[in-house]
C-alpha atoms as a PDB file:
ATOM      1  CA  MET A   1      20.522   4.608  33.888  1.00  0.00           C
ATOM      2  CA  SER A   2      21.825   8.104  32.544  1.00  0.00           C
ATOM      3  CA  ASP A   3      25.299   6.866  31.666  1.00  0.00           C
ATOM      4  CA  LYS A   4      23.500   3.733  29.798  1.00  0.00           C
ATOM      5  CA  ARG A   5      21.162   7.082  28.063  1.00  0.00           C
ATOM      6  CA  ASP A   6      24.254   9.101  26.652  1.00  0.00           C
ATOM      7  CA  GLU A   7      26.524   6.499  25.983  1.00  0.00           C
ATOM      8  CA  TYR A   8      23.832   4.706  23.363  1.00  0.00           C
ATOM      9  CA  THR A   9      23.011   8.069  22.223  1.00  0.00           C
ATOM     10  CA  TYR A  10      27.024   9.027  21.473  1.00  0.00           C
ATOM     11  CA  MET A  11      26.659   5.443  19.909  1.00  0.00           C
ATOM     12  CA  ALA A  12      23.951   6.755  17.628  1.00  0.00           C
ATOM     13  CA  ARG A  13      25.396  10.347  16.537  1.00  0.00           C
ATOM     14  CA  LEU A  14      28.466   7.861  16.034  1.00  0.00           C
ATOM     15  CA  ALA A  15      27.056   5.531  13.528  1.00  0.00           C
ATOM     16  CA  GLU A  16      25.310   8.673  12.092  1.00  0.00           C
ATOM     17  CA  GLN A  17      28.247  10.334  11.114  1.00  0.00           C
ATOM     18  CA  THR A  18      29.296   6.916   9.568  1.00  0.00           C
ATOM     19  CA  GLU A  19      26.345   6.338   7.881  1.00  0.00           C
ATOM     20  CA  ARG A  20      26.095   3.000   9.685  1.00  0.00           C
ATOM     21  CA  TRP A  21      22.253   3.314   9.577  1.00  0.00           C
ATOM     22  CA  GLU A  22      20.872   0.055  11.502  1.00  0.00           C
ATOM     23  CA  ASP A  23      23.614   0.737  14.083  1.00  0.00           C
ATOM     24  CA  MET A  24      22.188   3.516  14.504  1.00  0.00           C
ATOM     25  CA  VAL A  25      18.552   1.876  14.591  1.00  0.00           C
ATOM     26  CA  GLU A  26      19.677  -0.418  17.669  1.00  0.00           C
ATOM     27  CA  ASN A  27      20.833   2.266  19.463  1.00  0.00           C
ATOM     28  CA  MET A  28      18.286   4.598  19.706  1.00  0.00           C
ATOM     29  CA  LYS A  29      16.015   1.582  20.036  1.00  0.00           C
ATOM     30  CA  LYS A  30      17.884   1.075  23.375  1.00  0.00           C
ATOM     31  CA  VAL A  31      17.863   4.600  24.689  1.00  0.00           C
ATOM     32  CA  ALA A  32      13.682   4.508  23.714  1.00  0.00           C
ATOM     33  CA  GLU A  33      13.449   1.354  25.925  1.00  0.00           C
ATOM     34  CA  ILE A  34      15.284   2.716  28.793  1.00  0.00           C
ATOM     35  CA  THR A  35      14.219   5.888  28.907  1.00  0.00           C
ATOM     36  CA  LYS A  36      10.702   7.599  30.470  1.00  0.00           C
ATOM     37  CA  ASP A  37      10.292  10.203  27.707  1.00  0.00           C
ATOM     38  CA  LEU A  38      12.745  10.912  24.517  1.00  0.00           C
ATOM     39  CA  ASN A  39      14.295  14.600  24.317  1.00  0.00           C
ATOM     40  CA  ASN A  40      13.567  16.112  21.288  1.00  0.00           C
ATOM     41  CA  GLU A  41      17.177  15.449  19.928  1.00  0.00           C
ATOM     42  CA  GLU A  42      16.847  11.624  20.462  1.00  0.00           C
ATOM     43  CA  ARG A  43      13.245  12.045  18.575  1.00  0.00           C
ATOM     44  CA  ASN A  44      15.217  13.277  15.783  1.00  0.00           C
ATOM     45  CA  LEU A  45      17.928  10.849  16.029  1.00  0.00           C
ATOM     46  CA  LEU A  46      15.479   8.293  15.988  1.00  0.00           C
ATOM     47  CA  SER A  47      13.628   9.409  13.137  1.00  0.00           C
ATOM     48  CA  ILE A  48      17.011   9.864  11.009  1.00  0.00           C
ATOM     49  CA  ALA A  49      17.727   6.209  11.820  1.00  0.00           C
ATOM     50  CA  TYR A  50      14.979   4.662  10.291  1.00  0.00           C
ATOM     51  CA  LYS A  51      14.306   7.162   7.837  1.00  0.00           C
ATOM     52  CA  ASN A  52      17.959   6.354   6.025  1.00  0.00           C
ATOM     53  CA  THR A  53      17.608   2.478   6.979  1.00  0.00           C
ATOM     54  CA  VAL A  54      13.913   2.300   5.473  1.00  0.00           C
ATOM     55  CA  GLY A  55      14.735   4.993   2.487  1.00  0.00           C
ATOM     56  CA  GLN A  56      17.763   2.639   1.170  1.00  0.00           C
ATOM     57  CA  ARG A  57      15.109   0.071   0.718  1.00  0.00           C
ATOM     58  CA  ARG A  58      12.346   2.098  -0.404  1.00  0.00           C
ATOM     59  CA  THR A  59      15.017   3.240  -3.358  1.00  0.00           C
ATOM     60  CA  ALA A  60      16.241  -0.452  -3.993  1.00  0.00           C
ATOM     61  CA  TRP A  61      12.541  -1.668  -3.920  1.00  0.00           C
ATOM     62  CA  ARG A  62      11.485   1.151  -6.958  1.00  0.00           C
ATOM     63  CA  ALA A  63      14.786   0.400  -8.564  1.00  0.00           C
ATOM     64  CA  ILE A  64      13.870  -3.297  -9.163  1.00  0.00           C
ATOM     65  CA  THR A  65      10.199  -2.173 -10.037  1.00  0.00           C
ATOM     66  CA  ALA A  66      11.224  -0.023 -12.481  1.00  0.00           C
ATOM     67  CA  TYR A  67      13.801  -2.749 -13.796  1.00  0.00           C
ATOM     68  CA  GLU A  68      11.142  -5.221 -13.602  1.00  0.00           C
ATOM     69  CA  ILE A  69       8.428  -3.468 -15.733  1.00  0.00           C
ATOM     70  CA  LYS A  70      11.456  -2.997 -18.381  1.00  0.00           C
ATOM     71  CA  GLU A  71      12.134  -6.389 -18.682  1.00  0.00           C
ATOM     72  CA  LYS A  72       8.515  -7.658 -18.991  1.00  0.00           C
ATOM     73  CA  GLN A  73       8.847  -6.444 -22.438  1.00  0.00           C
ATOM     74  CA  LYS A  74      11.629  -8.967 -22.876  1.00  0.00           C
ATOM     75  CA  ILE A  75      12.017 -12.878 -22.174  1.00  0.00           C
ATOM     76  CA  VAL A  76      14.054 -12.586 -19.247  1.00  0.00           C
ATOM     77  CA  LYS A  77      16.036 -15.231 -17.715  1.00  0.00           C
ATOM     78  CA  TYR A  78      16.191 -14.607 -14.710  1.00  0.00           C
ATOM     79  CA  GLN A  79      12.867 -13.346 -14.084  1.00  0.00           C
ATOM     80  CA  GLU A  80      12.715 -16.016 -10.800  1.00  0.00           C
ATOM     81  CA  VAL A  81      16.179 -14.129  -9.779  1.00  0.00           C
ATOM     82  CA  LEU A  82      14.572 -11.147 -10.027  1.00  0.00           C
ATOM     83  CA  GLN A  83      11.357 -12.103  -8.054  1.00  0.00           C
ATOM     84  CA  TYR A  84      13.229 -13.394  -5.339  1.00  0.00           C
ATOM     85  CA  TYR A  85      15.616 -10.071  -5.419  1.00  0.00           C
ATOM     86  CA  LYS A  86      12.133  -8.176  -4.847  1.00  0.00           C
ATOM     87  CA  ALA A  87      10.612 -10.146  -2.618  1.00  0.00           C
ATOM     88  CA  ARG A  88      13.553 -10.165  -0.568  1.00  0.00           C
ATOM     89  CA  VAL A  89      13.608  -6.044   0.056  1.00  0.00           C
ATOM     90  CA  GLU A  90       9.972  -6.348   0.678  1.00  0.00           C
ATOM     91  CA  LYS A  91      10.457  -8.728   3.471  1.00  0.00           C
ATOM     92  CA  GLU A  92      13.915  -6.041   4.582  1.00  0.00           C
ATOM     93  CA  LEU A  93      11.426  -3.113   4.356  1.00  0.00           C
ATOM     94  CA  ASP A  94       8.302  -5.074   6.404  1.00  0.00           C
ATOM     95  CA  TYR A  95      10.456  -5.472   9.139  1.00  0.00           C
ATOM     96  CA  TYR A  96      11.933  -2.396   9.605  1.00  0.00           C
ATOM     97  CA  CYS A  97       8.596  -0.320   9.218  1.00  0.00           C
ATOM     98  CA  ASN A  98       6.815  -2.686  11.369  1.00  0.00           C
ATOM     99  CA  GLU A  99       9.615  -2.351  13.907  1.00  0.00           C
ATOM    100  CA  VAL A 100       9.410   0.899  14.114  1.00  0.00           C
ATOM    101  CA  LEU A 101       5.538   0.961  14.262  1.00  0.00           C
ATOM    102  CA  GLN A 102       5.802  -1.249  16.952  1.00  0.00           C
ATOM    103  CA  LEU A 103       8.070   0.629  18.872  1.00  0.00           C
ATOM    104  CA  ILE A 104       6.040   3.761  18.943  1.00  0.00           C
ATOM    105  CA  ASP A 105       2.504   2.258  19.683  1.00  0.00           C
ATOM    106  CA  HIS A 106       4.074  -0.417  22.361  1.00  0.00           C
ATOM    107  CA  THR A 107       6.472   2.171  24.181  1.00  0.00           C
ATOM    108  CA  LEU A 108       6.777   5.838  22.734  1.00  0.00           C
ATOM    109  CA  LEU A 109       3.379   6.694  23.297  1.00  0.00           C
ATOM    110  CA  LYS A 110       2.821   4.775  26.165  1.00  0.00           C
ATOM    111  CA  LYS A 111       5.190   6.697  27.992  1.00  0.00           C
ATOM    112  CA  THR A 112       5.004  10.458  26.802  1.00  0.00           C
ATOM    113  CA  THR A 113       2.252  12.932  27.605  1.00  0.00           C
ATOM    114  CA  ASN A 114       4.025  15.907  26.025  1.00  0.00           C
ATOM    115  CA  THR A 115       1.747  17.134  22.932  1.00  0.00           C
ATOM    116  CA  GLU A 116       4.501  17.712  20.692  1.00  0.00           C
ATOM    117  CA  ALA A 117       5.980  14.121  21.171  1.00  0.00           C
ATOM    118  CA  ARG A 118       2.854  12.540  20.746  1.00  0.00           C
ATOM    119  CA  VAL A 119       2.128  14.735  17.381  1.00  0.00           C
ATOM    120  CA  PHE A 120       5.986  13.579  16.319  1.00  0.00           C
ATOM    121  CA  TYR A 121       4.582   9.843  16.819  1.00  0.00           C
ATOM    122  CA  HIS A 122       1.582  10.181  15.180  1.00  0.00           C
ATOM    123  CA  LYS A 123       3.367  11.732  12.184  1.00  0.00           C
ATOM    124  CA  MET A 124       5.815   8.633  12.036  1.00  0.00           C
ATOM    125  CA  LYS A 125       2.928   6.239  12.178  1.00  0.00           C
ATOM    126  CA  GLY A 126       1.664   7.624   9.476  1.00  0.00           C
ATOM    127  CA  ASP A 127       5.132   7.633   7.259  1.00  0.00           C
ATOM    128  CA  TYR A 128       5.569   4.207   8.129  1.00  0.00           C
ATOM    129  CA  ASN A 129       2.162   2.794   7.535  1.00  0.00           C
ATOM    130  CA  ARG A 130       2.574   4.739   3.884  1.00  0.00           C
ATOM    131  CA  TYR A 131       5.438   3.127   3.126  1.00  0.00           C
ATOM    132  CA  ILE A 132       4.107  -0.048   3.675  1.00  0.00           C
ATOM    133  CA  SER A 133       1.327   0.992   1.690  1.00  0.00           C
ATOM    134  CA  GLU A 134       3.472   1.318  -1.266  1.00  0.00           C
ATOM    135  CA  TYR A 135       4.664  -2.427  -1.770  1.00  0.00           C
ATOM    136  CA  SER A 136       2.031  -4.474   0.061  1.00  0.00           C
ATOM    137  CA  GLN A 137      -0.904  -5.612  -1.827  1.00  0.00           C
ATOM    138  CA  GLN A 138      -4.231  -6.405  -0.799  1.00  0.00           C
ATOM    139  CA  LYS A 139      -5.421  -6.404   2.976  1.00  0.00           C
ATOM    140  CA  ALA A 140      -2.155  -5.418   4.209  1.00  0.00           C
ATOM    141  CA  GLN A 141      -1.947  -2.386   1.801  1.00  0.00           C
ATOM    142  CA  GLU A 142      -5.901  -1.938   2.583  1.00  0.00           C
ATOM    143  CA  LYS A 143      -4.382  -1.514   6.719  1.00  0.00           C
ATOM    144  CA  ALA A 144      -1.806  -0.089   6.143  1.00  0.00           C
ATOM    145  CA  ILE A 145      -3.573   2.853   4.384  1.00  0.00           C
ATOM    146  CA  GLN A 146      -6.289   3.088   6.939  1.00  0.00           C
ATOM    147  CA  GLN A 147      -3.650   3.250   9.910  1.00  0.00           C
ATOM    148  CA  ALA A 148      -1.678   5.671   8.148  1.00  0.00           C
ATOM    149  CA  GLN A 149      -4.351   7.798   7.211  1.00  0.00           C
ATOM    150  CA  GLN A 150      -5.799   7.655  11.129  1.00  0.00           C
ATOM    151  CA  ALA A 151      -2.269   8.599  11.989  1.00  0.00           C
ATOM    152  CA  TYR A 152      -1.880  12.204   9.949  1.00  0.00           C
ATOM    153  CA  GLN A 153      -5.776  12.930  11.150  1.00  0.00           C
ATOM    154  CA  THR A 154      -4.509  12.457  14.905  1.00  0.00           C
ATOM    155  CA  ALA A 155      -1.612  14.211  14.819  1.00  0.00           C
ATOM    156  CA  LEU A 156      -3.374  17.065  13.167  1.00  0.00           C
ATOM    157  CA  GLU A 157      -6.301  17.180  15.664  1.00  0.00           C
ATOM    158  CA  LEU A 158      -3.362  17.225  18.276  1.00  0.00           C
ATOM    159  CA  ILE A 159      -1.712  20.298  16.554  1.00  0.00           C
ATOM    160  CA  ASP A 160      -5.387  21.743  16.229  1.00  0.00           C
ATOM    161  CA  LYS A 161      -6.414  21.561  19.608  1.00  0.00           C
ATOM    162  CA  ASP A 162      -3.116  22.654  21.301  1.00  0.00           C
ATOM    163  CA  LYS A 163      -3.060  25.245  18.955  1.00  0.00           C
ATOM    164  CA  PHE A 164       0.342  25.144  17.513  1.00  0.00           C
ATOM    165  CA  PRO A 165       1.710  28.226  15.486  1.00  0.00           C
ATOM    166  CA  LYS A 166       1.117  28.124  11.865  1.00  0.00           C
ATOM    167  CA  THR A 167       4.713  28.533  11.294  1.00  0.00           C
ATOM    168  CA  ASN A 168       5.538  25.626  13.471  1.00  0.00           C
ATOM    169  CA  LEU A 169       8.144  23.046  11.996  1.00  0.00           C
ATOM    170  CA  LEU A 170       6.098  19.541  12.893  1.00  0.00           C
ATOM    171  CA  ARG A 171       2.995  21.477  11.438  1.00  0.00           C
ATOM    172  CA  LEU A 172       4.106  21.777   8.671  1.00  0.00           C
ATOM    173  CA  GLY A 173       5.731  18.248   8.308  1.00  0.00           C
ATOM    174  CA  VAL A 174       2.777  16.572   9.073  1.00  0.00           C
ATOM    175  CA  THR A 175       0.690  18.478   6.608  1.00  0.00           C
ATOM    176  CA  LEU A 176       3.240  18.121   3.649  1.00  0.00           C
ATOM    177  CA  ASN A 177       3.422  14.685   4.545  1.00  0.00           C
ATOM    178  CA  TYR A 178      -0.312  13.986   4.496  1.00  0.00           C
ATOM    179  CA  SER A 179      -0.762  15.905   1.450  1.00  0.00           C
ATOM    180  CA  VAL A 180       2.048  13.759  -0.744  1.00  0.00           C
ATOM    181  CA  PHE A 181      -0.387  10.846   0.969  1.00  0.00           C
ATOM    182  CA  CYS A 182      -3.331  11.805  -0.170  1.00  0.00           C
ATOM    183  CA  TYR A 183      -1.865  12.529  -4.011  1.00  0.00           C
ATOM    184  CA  GLU A 184       0.402   9.379  -4.199  1.00  0.00           C
ATOM    185  CA  ILE A 185      -1.431   6.532  -2.186  1.00  0.00           C
ATOM    186  CA  MET A 186      -5.063   7.744  -2.382  1.00  0.00           C
ATOM    187  CA  SER A 187      -4.654   9.662  -5.964  1.00  0.00           C
ATOM    188  CA  ASP A 188      -7.311  12.258  -4.276  1.00  0.00           C
ATOM    189  CA  VAL A 189      -5.590  15.207  -6.007  1.00  0.00           C
ATOM    190  CA  ALA A 190      -8.351  17.768  -4.725  1.00  0.00           C
ATOM    191  CA  LYS A 191      -7.835  16.818  -0.664  1.00  0.00           C
ATOM    192  CA  ALA A 192      -4.116  16.773  -1.223  1.00  0.00           C
ATOM    193  CA  CYS A 193      -4.218  20.492  -2.869  1.00  0.00           C
ATOM    194  CA  GLU A 194      -6.412  22.008  -0.348  1.00  0.00           C
ATOM    195  CA  LEU A 195      -4.179  20.140   2.131  1.00  0.00           C
ATOM    196  CA  ALA A 196      -1.376  22.220   1.273  1.00  0.00           C
ATOM    197  CA  LYS A 197      -2.814  25.584   0.073  1.00  0.00           C
ATOM    198  CA  THR A 198      -4.472  26.174   3.444  1.00  0.00           C
ATOM    199  CA  VAL A 199      -1.076  25.428   5.718  1.00  0.00           C
ATOM    200  CA  LYS A 200       0.753  27.346   3.235  1.00  0.00           C
ATOM    201  CA  ASP A 201      -1.467  30.302   3.052  1.00  0.00           C
ATOM    202  CA  GLU A 202      -1.603  30.624   7.085  1.00  0.00           C
ATOM    203  CA  ALA A 203       1.884  30.301   7.546  1.00  0.00           C
ATOM    204  CA  ILE A 204       3.135  33.065   5.141  1.00  0.00           C
ATOM    205  CA  LYS A 205       1.154  35.383   6.947  1.00  0.00           C
ATOM    206  CA  GLU A 206       2.636  34.595   9.873  1.00  0.00           C
ATOM    207  CA  LEU A 207       6.369  34.804   8.433  1.00  0.00           C
ATOM    208  CA  ASP A 208       7.237  37.931   9.393  1.00  0.00           C
ATOM    209  CA  ASP A 209       6.395  37.437  12.988  1.00  0.00           C
ATOM    210  CA  MET A 210       8.997  34.379  13.343  1.00  0.00           C
ATOM    211  CA  GLU A 211      12.345  33.678  15.089  1.00  0.00           C
ATOM    212  CA  GLU A 212      15.047  34.577  12.499  1.00  0.00           C
ATOM    213  CA  ASP A 213      16.523  30.989  13.563  1.00  0.00           C
ATOM    214  CA  GLN A 214      13.471  29.131  12.114  1.00  0.00           C
ATOM    215  CA  TYR A 215      12.830  31.047   9.513  1.00  0.00           C
ATOM    216  CA  LYS A 216      15.151  29.240   6.519  1.00  0.00           C
ATOM    217  CA  ASP A 217      13.595  25.905   7.779  1.00  0.00           C
ATOM    218  CA  VAL A 218      10.213  27.036   7.555  1.00  0.00           C
ATOM    219  CA  THR A 219      10.590  28.259   4.050  1.00  0.00           C
ATOM    220  CA  THR A 220      12.185  25.641   2.939  1.00  0.00           C
ATOM    221  CA  ILE A 221       9.480  23.149   3.998  1.00  0.00           C
ATOM    222  CA  LEU A 222       6.983  26.151   2.743  1.00  0.00           C
ATOM    223  CA  GLN A 223       8.771  25.778  -1.104  1.00  0.00           C
ATOM    224  CA  LEU A 224       8.540  21.860  -1.280  1.00  0.00           C
ATOM    225  CA  ILE A 225       4.845  22.516  -0.199  1.00  0.00           C
ATOM    226  CA  ASN A 226       4.585  25.215  -3.103  1.00  0.00           C
ATOM    227  CA  ASP A 227       5.941  22.733  -5.690  1.00  0.00           C
ATOM    228  CA  ASN A 228       3.806  19.884  -5.085  1.00  0.00           C
ATOM    229  CA  LEU A 229       0.909  22.471  -4.734  1.00  0.00           C
ATOM    230  CA  THR A 230       2.052  23.773  -8.220  1.00  0.00           C
ATOM    231  CA  ASN A 231       2.460  20.687  -9.746  1.00  0.00           C
ATOM    232  CA  TRP A 232      -0.863  18.862  -8.305  1.00  0.00           C
ATOM    233  CA  GLN A 233      -2.927  21.783  -9.478  1.00  0.00           C
ATOM    234  CA  ALA A 234      -2.033  21.156 -13.143  1.00  0.00           C
ATOM    235  CA  GLU A 235      -3.860  17.925 -12.803  1.00  0.00           C
ATOM    236  CA  LEU A 236      -7.191  19.777 -11.355  1.00  0.00           C
ATOM    237  CA  PRO A 237     -10.072  20.217 -13.822  1.00  0.00           C
ATOM    238  CA  ASP A 238     -11.044  23.478 -14.608  1.00  0.00           C
ATOM    239  CA  GLU A 239     -14.437  24.913 -13.999  1.00  0.00           C
ATOM    240  CA  GLY A 240     -15.108  23.714 -17.611  1.00  0.00           C
ATOM    241  CA  GLY A 241     -14.579  20.052 -16.551  1.00  0.00           C
ATOM    242  CA  LYS A 242     -11.261  20.199 -18.854  1.00  0.00           C
ATOM    243  CA  LYS A 243      -7.631  19.773 -17.450  1.00  0.00           C
END
């Protein structure tokens, strides 16, 4: 079994180098199915595989949507073709997002007792439900939003319970993505700002105590959080009720 695990992991790395993301997904699914608990490297490979597979389709969907809005101002001969192509991309998004969510719920979370792994998987649940909410409609969208929020909150509860360091990369990543969810999906600017400001301020206080090998990664993600916070705060009303 160990030989197969190593073989599939090697194939996943090879697929990553050649940017064959669907192949990477297939190999990491096999690793997840035959392994009791994924190690840190395997979790990251799984995340990279789905992030790129889904990311390509999210980019395509956004481009089609922008083109659709632009073309609606004209009499479009091929409107049905455009709608068909958009639906096709949405179907692929549904397939891969739901596939990884099922893998997390039915396999990965059931196997692990490691808190960091559980946080990692709940973060992924939040992310892929957030992606579904971007293109879905009505009940499907409502369900995805509810499940994304629940997943992010569960991840943060586990982080607080286990007392993760304020500069922990996973802690910062969960909060970054949850704040983006609050801003983009929930349109809750105040909540997004609160999350971003709190995690940024707490982490900055502990930067001097960090290990040097993680300093660059932590400051990079803190810069992303700070950039978001700066943009979002500009949308908040001031004390006089004006923007």
